[in-house]
Protein backbone atom coordinates (compact mmCIF):
# COMPACT_ATOMS: atom_id res chain seq x y z
CA MET A 1 -3.64 -16.80 -27.40
CA SER A 2 -1.11 -14.20 -26.20
CA GLY A 3 -2.14 -10.59 -25.48
CA GLN A 4 0.05 -7.45 -25.70
CA ILE A 5 1.37 -4.36 -23.60
CA PHE A 6 1.12 -0.83 -25.24
CA THR A 7 3.01 2.12 -23.90
CA ALA A 8 2.67 6.02 -24.66
CA ALA A 9 4.53 5.53 -27.68
CA ASP A 10 2.67 2.66 -29.17
CA VAL A 11 -0.81 4.64 -28.97
CA THR A 12 -1.02 8.16 -31.08
CA ALA A 13 -4.36 8.01 -32.62
CA ASP A 14 -7.85 7.37 -30.45
CA ARG A 15 -9.02 4.00 -29.74
CA GLU A 16 -12.46 2.49 -29.22
CA LEU A 17 -12.42 -1.09 -28.24
CA ASP A 18 -14.44 -3.28 -26.61
CA CYS A 19 -14.30 -6.37 -23.92
CA ASP A 20 -15.44 -8.65 -21.69
CA VAL A 21 -14.08 -7.18 -19.05
CA CYS A 22 -12.07 -4.03 -18.51
CA VAL A 23 -9.67 -4.07 -15.24
CA VAL A 24 -8.47 -0.52 -13.89
CA GLY A 25 -5.35 -0.28 -12.27
CA SER A 26 -2.58 -3.32 -12.53
CA GLY A 27 -1.51 -3.42 -8.45
CA ALA A 28 -2.41 -6.37 -6.35
CA GLY A 29 -6.52 -7.13 -6.86
CA GLY A 30 -6.23 -6.09 -10.90
CA ALA A 31 -2.98 -8.56 -11.76
CA VAL A 32 -4.42 -11.79 -9.96
CA LEU A 33 -8.17 -11.26 -11.21
CA ALA A 34 -7.19 -10.35 -14.64
CA ALA A 35 -5.12 -13.24 -14.87
CA GLY A 36 -7.96 -15.42 -13.90
CA LEU A 37 -10.67 -14.07 -16.01
CA VAL A 38 -8.23 -14.61 -19.29
CA GLU A 39 -7.61 -17.56 -17.98
CA GLN A 40 -11.47 -18.47 -17.90
CA GLY A 41 -11.07 -17.25 -21.57
CA LEU A 42 -12.29 -13.95 -21.67
CA LYS A 43 -11.55 -10.88 -23.48
CA VAL A 44 -9.97 -8.76 -21.45
CA ILE A 45 -8.58 -5.37 -21.63
CA MET A 46 -6.51 -3.94 -18.34
CA LEU A 47 -5.39 0.40 -18.25
CA GLU A 48 -2.40 1.34 -15.94
CA ALA A 49 -2.07 4.95 -15.29
CA GLY A 50 1.47 4.36 -14.64
CA PRO A 51 3.93 3.60 -17.13
CA HIS A 52 5.42 0.07 -18.19
CA ARG A 53 8.88 -0.49 -16.51
CA THR A 54 10.69 -4.18 -16.20
CA ARG A 55 13.86 -4.70 -14.06
CA LYS A 56 16.26 -3.39 -17.32
CA ASP A 57 14.73 -0.26 -16.19
CA PHE A 58 15.53 -0.28 -12.87
CA THR A 59 18.65 1.31 -11.41
CA MET A 60 18.24 1.78 -8.00
CA LEU A 61 18.66 5.20 -7.88
CA GLU A 62 16.18 7.08 -6.01
CA ARG A 63 16.18 10.12 -8.39
CA ASP A 64 15.05 7.75 -11.20
CA SER A 65 12.24 5.44 -8.91
CA SER A 66 10.61 8.02 -7.39
CA PRO A 67 9.51 10.25 -10.44
CA ALA A 68 8.47 7.22 -12.87
CA LEU A 69 7.24 4.84 -10.28
CA TYR A 70 5.56 6.25 -7.62
CA GLN A 71 2.27 8.48 -7.23
CA ASP A 72 2.85 12.27 -7.55
CA ARG A 73 6.61 10.88 -8.67
CA GLY A 74 6.65 10.74 -4.73
CA ALA A 75 5.60 13.70 -2.94
CA ARG A 76 1.57 12.47 -2.53
CA SER A 77 -0.03 13.56 0.54
CA THR A 78 -2.75 14.52 2.48
CA SER A 79 -4.54 17.42 2.57
CA ASP A 80 -3.09 19.28 5.34
CA LEU A 81 0.85 17.85 4.07
CA ALA A 82 0.28 15.66 7.72
CA ILE A 83 0.70 12.35 6.40
CA SER A 84 3.08 11.19 3.57
CA ILE A 85 1.99 8.58 1.01
CA LEU A 86 4.18 5.70 -0.25
CA GLN A 87 2.12 4.39 -2.98
CA GLY A 88 2.63 2.92 -6.44
CA ARG A 89 2.15 4.14 -9.89
CA SER A 90 3.35 1.23 -12.55
CA VAL A 91 2.05 -1.63 -14.42
CA GLY A 92 2.48 -3.61 -11.15
CA GLY A 93 1.15 -0.97 -9.00
CA SER A 94 2.74 -0.99 -5.54
CA THR A 95 4.02 -4.29 -5.95
CA THR A 96 6.75 -3.33 -8.52
CA VAL A 97 7.80 -0.96 -4.92
CA ASN A 98 6.57 -2.72 -1.63
CA TRP A 99 8.70 -4.43 0.67
CA THR A 100 7.52 -8.06 -0.03
CA SER A 101 6.50 -8.29 3.59
CA CYS A 102 3.27 -10.92 3.61
CA PHE A 103 0.63 -11.76 6.03
CA ARG A 104 -2.32 -13.19 5.20
CA THR A 105 -5.88 -11.37 7.32
CA PRO A 106 -5.30 -11.90 10.76
CA ASP A 107 -7.89 -14.40 12.65
CA ARG A 108 -8.69 -11.52 15.23
CA ILE A 109 -9.67 -9.24 11.79
CA LEU A 110 -11.65 -11.91 10.00
CA ARG A 111 -13.46 -11.97 13.24
CA HIS A 112 -14.24 -8.12 13.85
CA TRP A 113 -15.26 -7.90 10.21
CA ARG A 114 -17.94 -10.60 10.54
CA GLU A 115 -19.00 -9.32 14.08
CA ALA A 116 -19.24 -4.99 13.01
CA HIS A 117 -19.84 -5.63 9.31
CA GLY A 118 -21.56 -8.70 8.46
CA LEU A 119 -19.05 -10.31 6.04
CA GLU A 120 -19.83 -13.90 7.29
CA ALA A 121 -18.59 -15.41 3.78
CA LEU A 122 -14.84 -14.28 4.94
CA SER A 123 -13.28 -16.48 7.16
CA PRO A 124 -10.24 -18.54 7.54
CA ASP A 125 -11.56 -21.25 6.53
CA SER A 126 -13.30 -19.91 3.21
CA LEU A 127 -9.86 -17.81 2.23
CA ARG A 128 -7.42 -20.45 3.01
CA ALA A 129 -7.61 -21.86 -0.95
CA HIS A 130 -7.33 -18.44 -1.91
CA PHE A 131 -4.36 -17.63 0.64
CA GLU A 132 -2.61 -20.98 -0.54
CA ALA A 133 -3.15 -20.30 -4.09
CA ILE A 134 -1.53 -16.87 -4.27
CA GLU A 135 1.15 -18.02 -1.76
CA GLY A 136 2.37 -21.07 -4.19
CA ARG A 137 1.91 -18.85 -7.51
CA LEU A 138 4.42 -16.29 -5.69
CA SER A 139 6.47 -18.06 -3.40
CA ILE A 140 5.91 -16.64 -0.25
CA GLY A 141 7.75 -17.79 2.11
CA GLU A 142 9.78 -16.97 5.51
CA TRP A 143 12.66 -14.95 5.36
CA PRO A 144 15.38 -16.57 6.98
CA ILE A 145 16.82 -15.45 10.30
CA GLU A 146 20.81 -16.03 9.56
CA SER A 147 19.99 -13.16 6.74
CA VAL A 148 18.72 -10.72 8.64
CA ASN A 149 20.26 -7.31 7.99
CA PRO A 150 21.64 -5.11 10.89
CA ASN A 151 18.63 -3.07 10.52
CA ASN A 152 16.57 -5.77 11.52
CA ARG A 153 18.70 -6.98 13.99
CA VAL A 154 18.05 -3.94 15.97
CA LEU A 155 13.86 -4.94 16.86
CA ILE A 156 14.75 -8.74 17.83
CA ASP A 157 17.58 -7.33 19.74
CA GLY A 158 15.95 -4.49 21.37
CA ALA A 159 12.53 -6.15 21.56
CA LYS A 160 14.02 -9.33 23.57
CA ALA A 161 15.70 -7.12 26.13
CA ILE A 162 12.70 -5.25 27.43
CA GLY A 163 10.21 -8.40 26.61
CA MET A 164 8.80 -8.25 23.75
CA THR A 165 8.76 -11.17 21.56
CA THR A 166 9.40 -11.20 17.23
CA GLY A 167 9.13 -13.32 14.21
CA PRO A 168 10.10 -13.79 10.64
CA MET A 169 8.56 -11.68 8.06
CA ARG A 170 6.97 -13.89 5.00
CA ARG A 171 8.24 -12.81 1.34
CA ASN A 172 6.99 -13.07 -1.79
CA VAL A 173 10.97 -13.88 -3.14
CA LYS A 174 12.43 -16.30 -5.45
CA GLY A 175 16.18 -15.38 -6.12
CA CYS A 176 16.02 -12.54 -4.03
CA ALA A 177 19.68 -10.94 -4.54
CA ASN A 178 19.09 -9.55 -0.45
CA SER A 179 20.10 -6.12 -2.10
CA GLY A 180 17.56 -3.55 -0.18
CA TYR A 181 17.11 -1.92 -2.95
CA CYS A 182 12.93 -3.55 -2.88
CA GLY A 183 11.41 -0.04 -3.23
CA MET A 184 12.83 1.26 -6.01
CA GLY A 185 11.64 -2.04 -7.82
CA CYS A 186 13.35 -5.03 -8.28
CA PRO A 187 16.93 -5.22 -10.71
CA VAL A 188 17.05 -9.65 -10.54
CA ASP A 189 12.94 -9.87 -10.24
CA GLY A 190 14.08 -11.55 -7.47
CA LYS A 191 10.60 -9.91 -6.07
CA GLN A 192 7.84 -11.63 -7.57
CA ALA A 193 5.72 -8.97 -7.86
CA MET A 194 2.92 -8.57 -10.37
CA HIS A 195 4.74 -7.69 -13.81
CA VAL A 196 6.61 -10.74 -13.36
CA THR A 197 4.09 -13.28 -11.76
CA TYR A 198 0.43 -12.98 -12.88
CA LEU A 199 0.24 -10.15 -15.07
CA HIS A 200 3.24 -12.13 -17.43
CA ASP A 201 0.32 -14.91 -16.67
CA ALA A 202 -2.34 -12.96 -17.91
CA VAL A 203 -0.45 -11.35 -20.96
CA GLN A 204 0.48 -15.02 -22.46
CA ARG A 205 -2.98 -16.34 -22.51
CA GLY A 206 -4.90 -13.06 -24.33
CA LEU A 207 -4.60 -9.63 -21.97
CA VAL A 208 -4.20 -6.11 -23.74
CA LEU A 209 -2.60 -4.18 -21.30
CA HIS A 210 -2.86 -0.64 -22.23
CA ALA A 211 0.41 1.65 -19.89
CA GLU A 212 0.15 5.29 -19.43
CA CYS A 213 -3.82 5.25 -20.15
CA ALA A 214 -4.94 7.72 -17.24
CA VAL A 215 -8.90 6.63 -16.73
CA GLN A 216 -10.43 9.70 -16.35
CA HIS A 217 -13.68 9.33 -16.23
CA LEU A 218 -16.92 6.32 -16.11
CA GLU A 219 -19.84 7.03 -18.49
CA VAL A 220 -23.21 4.80 -17.24
CA GLN A 221 -26.03 4.59 -18.61
CA ALA A 222 -29.64 2.94 -16.90
CA GLY A 223 -27.48 1.63 -14.01
CA ARG A 224 -24.53 0.32 -16.00
CA VAL A 225 -21.39 1.69 -17.00
CA VAL A 226 -21.41 1.73 -21.19
CA ALA A 227 -18.06 3.22 -21.28
CA VAL A 228 -14.58 3.73 -19.60
CA HIS A 229 -12.96 7.08 -20.91
CA ALA A 230 -9.11 7.49 -20.70
CA GLN A 231 -6.32 9.50 -22.10
CA ILE A 232 -2.87 8.67 -23.31
CA HIS A 233 -0.44 10.32 -20.50
CA PRO A 234 3.41 9.45 -20.89
CA VAL A 235 4.85 9.50 -17.19
CA ASP A 236 7.62 11.54 -18.32
CA GLN A 237 5.54 14.85 -19.82
CA ALA A 238 3.74 17.22 -18.10
CA SER A 239 0.35 16.64 -20.32
CA PRO A 240 -1.78 14.38 -21.42
CA THR A 241 -0.58 13.93 -25.54
CA GLY A 242 -4.47 14.46 -27.05
CA ALA A 243 -4.58 10.55 -27.78
CA LYS A 244 -7.55 8.34 -26.12
CA VAL A 245 -8.82 5.22 -25.59
CA THR A 246 -12.79 4.57 -24.85
CA VAL A 247 -13.24 1.01 -23.77
CA ARG A 248 -17.02 -0.36 -23.82
CA PRO A 249 -17.17 -3.42 -21.79
CA LYS A 250 -19.96 -5.77 -20.57
CA VAL A 251 -18.02 -5.64 -16.92
CA LEU A 252 -16.14 -2.89 -15.77
CA ALA A 253 -13.48 -4.26 -12.61
CA LEU A 254 -12.73 -1.36 -10.88
CA SER A 255 -8.99 -2.28 -9.23
CA ALA A 256 -7.11 1.57 -9.27
CA GLY A 257 -6.64 1.21 -5.76
CA ALA A 258 -8.35 3.02 -2.12
CA LEU A 259 -7.02 6.71 -2.78
CA ASN A 260 -7.73 6.78 -6.80
CA GLY A 261 -10.47 4.42 -7.22
CA PRO A 262 -12.85 6.17 -5.35
CA ALA A 263 -11.85 9.78 -6.66
CA LEU A 264 -12.56 7.86 -10.06
CA LEU A 265 -16.09 7.74 -8.94
CA LEU A 266 -16.56 10.57 -7.59
CA ARG A 267 -15.36 12.03 -10.87
CA SER A 268 -17.92 10.26 -12.67
CA GLY A 269 -21.15 11.02 -10.29
CA ILE A 270 -21.30 7.50 -8.77
CA ASN A 271 -21.66 7.72 -5.13
CA TRP A 272 -23.77 5.08 -3.62
CA GLN A 273 -25.65 6.87 -0.58
CA GLY A 274 -22.49 9.62 0.19
CA ARG A 275 -20.30 6.95 1.45
CA VAL A 276 -17.77 6.52 -1.33
CA GLY A 277 -14.22 7.84 0.21
CA LYS A 278 -15.82 7.06 3.91
CA ARG A 279 -13.61 4.97 5.86
CA THR A 280 -10.26 5.21 4.43
CA PHE A 281 -7.47 3.88 6.26
CA LEU A 282 -3.59 4.36 5.97
CA HIS A 283 -1.63 2.19 9.36
CA PRO A 284 -0.75 5.92 10.22
CA VAL A 285 3.08 5.23 10.64
CA ILE A 286 5.80 6.62 13.25
CA ALA A 287 9.58 6.28 12.79
CA VAL A 288 12.48 6.58 15.78
CA LEU A 289 16.01 6.54 14.99
CA GLY A 290 18.60 5.51 16.79
CA GLU A 291 22.42 5.72 16.08
CA TYR A 292 24.66 3.02 16.61
CA GLU A 293 28.68 2.80 17.21
CA GLN A 294 28.92 0.37 14.77
CA GLN A 295 27.91 1.00 11.02
CA ILE A 296 24.10 -0.41 10.28
CA HIS A 297 24.10 0.31 6.60
CA PRO A 298 20.33 0.62 6.97
CA TRP A 299 19.59 0.62 3.11
CA TYR A 300 21.48 -2.54 2.34
CA GLY A 301 19.34 -6.20 3.27
CA ALA A 302 15.78 -7.47 2.80
CA PRO A 303 14.25 -4.52 3.86
CA GLN A 304 11.70 -5.71 6.43
CA SER A 305 12.62 -9.65 8.00
CA VAL A 306 11.00 -9.10 11.17
CA HIS A 307 8.07 -7.93 13.20
CA SER A 308 6.91 -7.71 16.21
CA HIS A 309 3.12 -7.66 17.17
CA ASP A 310 3.18 -7.36 20.81
CA PRO A 311 1.64 -4.00 21.20
CA ILE A 312 -1.60 -4.68 18.68
CA ASP A 313 -4.30 -5.07 21.33
CA ARG A 314 -3.47 -2.56 23.89
CA GLY A 315 -6.83 -2.95 25.50
CA PRO A 316 -10.76 -1.12 25.43
CA ASN A 317 -10.65 1.97 23.54
CA LYS A 318 -7.00 2.35 22.24
CA VAL A 319 -5.99 2.14 19.14
CA GLY A 320 -2.71 -0.81 19.17
CA TYR A 321 0.54 -1.03 16.41
CA PHE A 322 2.40 -2.91 15.22
CA LEU A 323 6.65 -3.09 14.76
CA GLU A 324 8.81 -3.28 11.94
CA ALA A 325 11.82 -1.72 10.49
CA ALA A 326 12.70 0.21 7.44
CA PRO A 327 15.33 0.72 5.23
CA VAL A 328 16.56 3.80 5.17
CA HIS A 329 18.04 4.85 2.02
CA PRO A 330 20.17 8.33 1.42
CA MET A 331 17.59 10.26 -0.15
CA ILE A 332 14.21 9.37 1.93
CA ALA A 333 16.68 10.46 4.91
CA ALA A 334 17.45 13.05 3.75
CA THR A 335 13.91 14.38 3.17
CA SER A 336 12.42 12.31 6.36
CA VAL A 337 15.18 14.47 8.97
CA PRO A 338 13.43 17.81 9.96
CA LEU A 339 16.98 19.36 10.69
CA PHE A 340 18.42 21.80 8.42
CA GLY A 341 22.00 23.00 7.94
CA GLU A 342 24.52 22.35 9.73
CA ALA A 343 22.52 19.93 11.94
CA HIS A 344 20.93 17.77 9.08
CA LEU A 345 24.26 17.51 7.09
CA ALA A 346 25.77 16.24 10.47
CA VAL A 347 23.15 13.37 10.65
CA MET A 348 23.88 13.14 6.83
CA ARG A 349 27.02 12.14 7.86
CA ARG A 350 26.13 9.18 9.97
CA VAL A 351 23.22 7.70 7.94
CA ARG A 352 25.85 4.40 7.40
CA HIS A 353 24.91 4.06 11.64
CA LEU A 354 20.95 4.23 11.42
CA SER A 355 18.81 2.25 12.26
CA ALA A 356 15.15 3.12 11.29
CA GLN A 357 12.42 1.53 13.81
CA ILE A 358 8.66 1.45 12.46
CA ALA A 359 5.24 1.24 14.24
CA LEU A 360 2.19 0.82 12.59
CA HIS A 361 -1.32 2.10 13.95
CA VAL A 362 -4.28 -0.08 13.57
CA ASP A 363 -7.11 2.42 12.21
CA GLY A 364 -11.07 1.85 11.77
CA LEU A 365 -11.24 -0.53 14.62
CA LEU A 366 -12.65 1.02 17.49
CA PRO A 367 -16.16 2.22 17.02
CA GLN A 368 -15.71 6.02 16.67
CA ASP A 369 -12.81 5.84 13.96
CA GLU A 370 -13.95 6.54 10.76
CA GLY A 371 -10.76 6.89 9.51
CA GLY A 372 -10.09 9.53 6.52
CA THR A 373 -11.86 10.82 3.85
CA VAL A 374 -11.55 10.81 -0.13
CA THR A 375 -13.07 13.85 -2.05
CA ILE A 376 -12.09 15.35 -5.55
CA ASP A 377 -11.64 19.18 -5.84
CA ALA A 378 -12.43 21.50 -8.74
CA ALA A 379 -10.56 19.78 -11.21
CA GLY A 380 -11.18 16.34 -10.32
CA ARG A 381 -7.82 15.66 -8.84
CA MET A 382 -7.83 13.42 -5.18
CA ARG A 383 -7.75 14.84 -1.86
CA LEU A 384 -7.36 12.92 0.86
CA ASP A 385 -8.12 14.18 4.59
CA TYR A 386 -7.32 12.96 7.23
CA PRO A 387 -7.42 13.74 10.72
CA VAL A 388 -5.47 12.68 13.58
CA ARG A 389 -7.64 12.02 16.10
CA PRO A 390 -6.88 12.14 20.14
CA TYR A 391 -7.01 8.39 20.06
CA LEU A 392 -3.68 8.24 17.91
CA VAL A 393 -2.32 11.03 19.11
CA GLU A 394 -1.99 8.86 22.60
CA ALA A 395 -0.92 5.48 20.48
CA MET A 396 1.79 7.40 18.56
CA ARG A 397 3.30 8.79 22.27
CA ASP A 398 3.10 5.55 23.53
CA ALA A 399 4.69 3.88 20.38
CA HIS A 400 7.16 6.47 20.13
CA LEU A 401 8.24 5.55 23.84
CA THR A 402 8.10 1.95 23.09
CA LEU A 403 10.96 2.08 19.93
CA ALA A 404 13.20 4.56 21.93
CA ARG A 405 13.60 1.74 24.22
CA VAL A 406 13.58 -0.67 21.32
CA HIS A 407 17.09 1.15 20.31
CA LEU A 408 18.12 2.08 24.33
CA ALA A 409 17.87 -1.84 25.11
CA ALA A 410 20.16 -2.88 21.45
CA GLY A 411 22.56 -0.40 22.31
CA ALA A 412 22.20 2.43 20.91
CA LYS A 413 24.76 5.68 21.47
CA VAL A 414 21.82 8.39 20.49
CA VAL A 415 18.02 7.70 20.00
CA MET A 416 16.56 10.89 17.48
CA SER A 417 12.85 11.35 17.27
CA ALA A 418 11.32 13.06 14.08
CA HIS A 419 9.88 15.82 15.93
CA VAL A 420 9.63 19.22 14.03
CA GLU A 421 12.42 19.91 17.42
CA PRO A 422 13.64 16.18 16.90
CA VAL A 423 13.83 14.69 20.47
CA ALA A 424 17.72 13.06 21.86
CA LEU A 425 17.83 10.22 23.96
CA THR A 426 20.89 8.36 25.52
CA SER A 427 19.01 6.55 28.45
CA GLU A 428 15.78 5.66 29.94
CA ALA A 429 16.30 8.43 32.22
CA ASP A 430 15.95 10.68 29.11
CA LEU A 431 12.03 8.62 28.32
CA PRO A 432 10.32 11.58 30.20
CA LEU A 433 12.18 13.94 27.78
CA LEU A 434 10.18 12.62 24.91
CA GLU A 435 7.13 11.97 26.77
CA ALA A 436 6.75 15.32 27.15
CA ALA A 437 6.96 16.49 23.99
CA PRO A 438 4.09 17.36 21.50
CA TYR A 439 2.42 14.46 19.17
CA GLY A 440 -0.26 14.88 16.43
CA ALA A 441 -0.43 16.21 12.52
CA LEU A 442 2.50 18.22 11.90
CA GLU A 443 4.35 17.61 14.94
CA HIS A 444 7.12 14.76 13.72
CA VAL A 445 6.91 12.08 10.74
CA ILE A 446 4.09 10.50 9.26
CA PHE A 447 3.78 8.62 6.76
CA SER A 448 1.55 5.67 4.96
CA ALA A 449 2.51 3.18 2.94
CA HIS A 450 -0.64 1.16 3.37
CA GLN A 451 -4.03 2.75 2.03
CA MET A 452 -7.08 0.45 2.29
CA GLY A 453 -11.41 1.36 2.87
CA GLY A 454 -12.78 4.29 0.75
CA CYS A 455 -15.27 1.59 -0.89
CA THR A 456 -16.52 -0.64 1.86
CA MET A 457 -17.16 -3.95 1.91
CA GLY A 458 -20.04 -5.09 4.29
CA SER A 459 -23.95 -6.79 3.93
CA ASP A 460 -25.23 -3.70 4.84
CA PRO A 461 -26.07 -1.36 1.95
CA SER A 462 -26.47 1.50 4.37
CA ARG A 463 -23.11 1.95 5.89
CA SER A 464 -21.16 -0.03 3.10
CA VAL A 465 -20.10 0.74 -1.21
CA VAL A 466 -20.12 -2.67 -2.42
CA ASP A 467 -21.53 -6.25 -1.73
CA THR A 468 -19.76 -9.28 -0.34
CA GLN A 469 -18.94 -10.35 -3.73
CA HIS A 470 -17.18 -7.44 -4.40
CA LYS A 471 -20.33 -5.57 -6.51
CA LEU A 472 -20.52 -2.12 -6.25
CA ARG A 473 -24.32 -1.00 -5.03
CA GLY A 474 -26.40 0.68 -7.60
CA LEU A 475 -24.99 -0.06 -10.81
CA ASP A 476 -25.34 -3.80 -12.63
CA ASN A 477 -21.92 -4.77 -13.48
CA LEU A 478 -19.28 -2.58 -11.45
CA TYR A 479 -17.12 -4.73 -9.32
CA VAL A 480 -14.24 -2.95 -6.99
CA VAL A 481 -11.72 -5.45 -6.38
CA ASP A 482 -8.49 -3.92 -4.34
CA GLY A 483 -7.65 -2.85 -1.10
CA SER A 484 -10.39 -0.21 -0.94
CA VAL A 485 -13.28 -2.50 -0.29
CA LEU A 486 -11.24 -3.22 3.05
CA PRO A 487 -13.97 -2.14 6.05
CA THR A 488 -11.03 -1.97 8.51
CA SER A 489 -7.13 -1.92 8.23
CA LEU A 490 -5.69 -4.98 9.38
CA GLY A 491 -2.93 -4.33 11.65
CA VAL A 492 -0.54 -6.05 8.60
CA ASN A 493 1.11 -5.47 5.84
CA PRO A 494 -1.93 -5.28 3.32
CA SER A 495 -0.64 -7.55 0.09
CA GLU A 496 -1.57 -10.46 0.41
CA THR A 497 -5.47 -9.62 2.06
CA VAL A 498 -5.86 -8.01 -1.47
CA TYR A 499 -4.32 -10.73 -3.47
CA ALA A 500 -6.80 -13.95 -1.53
CA LEU A 501 -9.46 -11.44 -2.31
CA ALA A 502 -8.98 -10.83 -5.59
CA HIS A 503 -8.09 -14.86 -6.41
CA ARG A 504 -11.61 -15.33 -4.97
CA ALA A 505 -13.44 -12.26 -6.76
CA ARG A 506 -12.43 -13.87 -10.01
CA ARG A 507 -15.83 -16.41 -9.81
CA PHE A 508 -17.67 -13.25 -9.12
CA VAL A 509 -16.20 -11.15 -12.12
CA GLY A 510 -16.47 -14.13 -14.91
CA GLU A 511 -20.56 -15.19 -13.66
CA ALA A 512 -21.13 -11.46 -14.21
CA VAL A 513 -19.96 -10.87 -17.53
C-alpha cells in the first residue's frame, strides 16, 4: 500500500479525515516516528506547514531557498532581535537545510539528564540500538580528512597550533557531491534528509502527508485531543486559501519543533503547570572571521567536516562551548557583516578569502540556567524571549578570544569580530582590544541553528512537560516527539539525538493507539 503527498494545489475544499495517529511536523522527529508507525500497520496522517520541495526545486541560490525553506523566510529571531534563528520549514524540516553534522548524544549529557532530570531510561546502552538503526538508514559516517575544505582546514591548523585537538565530523550523506550548498537543499540527494529517507519509506507504506497545511489549534475534550484544525497556506502566498483540514486521530504526535510546538500547545490552551515553552535552549553561536592571503572560497565543500570540543568543560559555574566552521555564502555574508557603505563593500570584495569559525555555547547545564521562553502574542504567533545572561556573556568573550587565536595561528592576515563596531586584529598583541570589547545581546552577531527544549522530558511532574515515554502530562493521547523534549542543550549538533529519540518513541506512540 502506498500513501500520497498533497500540496496546497491539491486541496481546494475543506477535508475531514480520521486516522490512528496524526503527526504534526515532518522533520527529524516526525519523519522517523511516522516511518515506524506505518511499518506497524497504523493509519498515519502527517501535517506539515512548509512546502514540498525536492532536488529539482533546489536552485542553489540563497534568494530562492530562504523564503521557501526557512521559518519566517529566513528572518526568524528572538523578540529583541538579538539572536537570529535558522530553522527549516519544508517537508523534511530542518533536515532539508542542515549541514549534515551528526553526533550521538554525549555520555556526559545523558549522565546529567539521569542525575538532574530523572531520566534513568536514557543511557548509552539503552539508546545504542536506536543510534545504530538510524545511522544505518541515513548512511552516517566520518567525512574523509582528505576531503576537508579550506574553511574547515583553518580550524584543524589553527587549533593544532595553539594546542587544541580536533576531530572529524560524521555526516549523513550518500553520494555527496561536496558542493557546499547543503543549506539550500541538496540538488543531488546526497544529503540523507528526511524527504529522501524516512518520509520516502513512510509514503511507500501508506503515509498520507499534507504539505502547506498549517495547524492552528488542537481541540481537547475530556483530557483527549479529539481534533486537529489546520488551514491550507501556500508558501508563496501571504494568506491562507480558506480551505481547511480537520483530522480526528486516536493519538496525536506533536513533532513541530522546539519553537512552533510549544506555541501550538499554548494557542490550544494546553500548558501543563505553566511549564510549556519554558527551558528553551539554542546553543547560542558567535562567529569570528579571518581574512587569508589565499582564497578560501568558504561556500564550497562540506560545510562542517571537523570540530573541536576542547572548551566544552571550562570548570564549575562556567558555560562551555564547542568549535566548528560555518559556510559563508554571499547573501549570508552580506547580511551578517555589521558594516555599511565602503567598509561593507571592501569586505564583500574579499569574501572569497574569508574563513568563518564559530563557537556554539552549551546552555542549560548550570543550575541557574533556564534558557529562554516561548510564548504567543495576541495574534497567536510564536514569540521567543532569550536573555543573554552574565554567564553567557563571559563565555562569549572567552570564545571570541579562542577563535581569534585559532585564526591567527592558522595564518590569517586580519581577524575581524562581528561586533556592531568590529574589532580588527593582526597579531596576538591585539587580543586585549578584543577582550575589552562589549559582549551580549545586540553587541555582536549571535545566531542559532539548534532549537531545543520547551516541552521538556523528565520524571518529576512539577519540572517537566512530558514523561519518559514522550506523553504530554495531563492528556491521554498526546505525545511530543522532537527536540522540544530535551531537558538541556546537548553540546553537539542535535539531529542524531532527535532521530534516536523518535526511533525509541515509535513503540510508545504505537502502543497508545
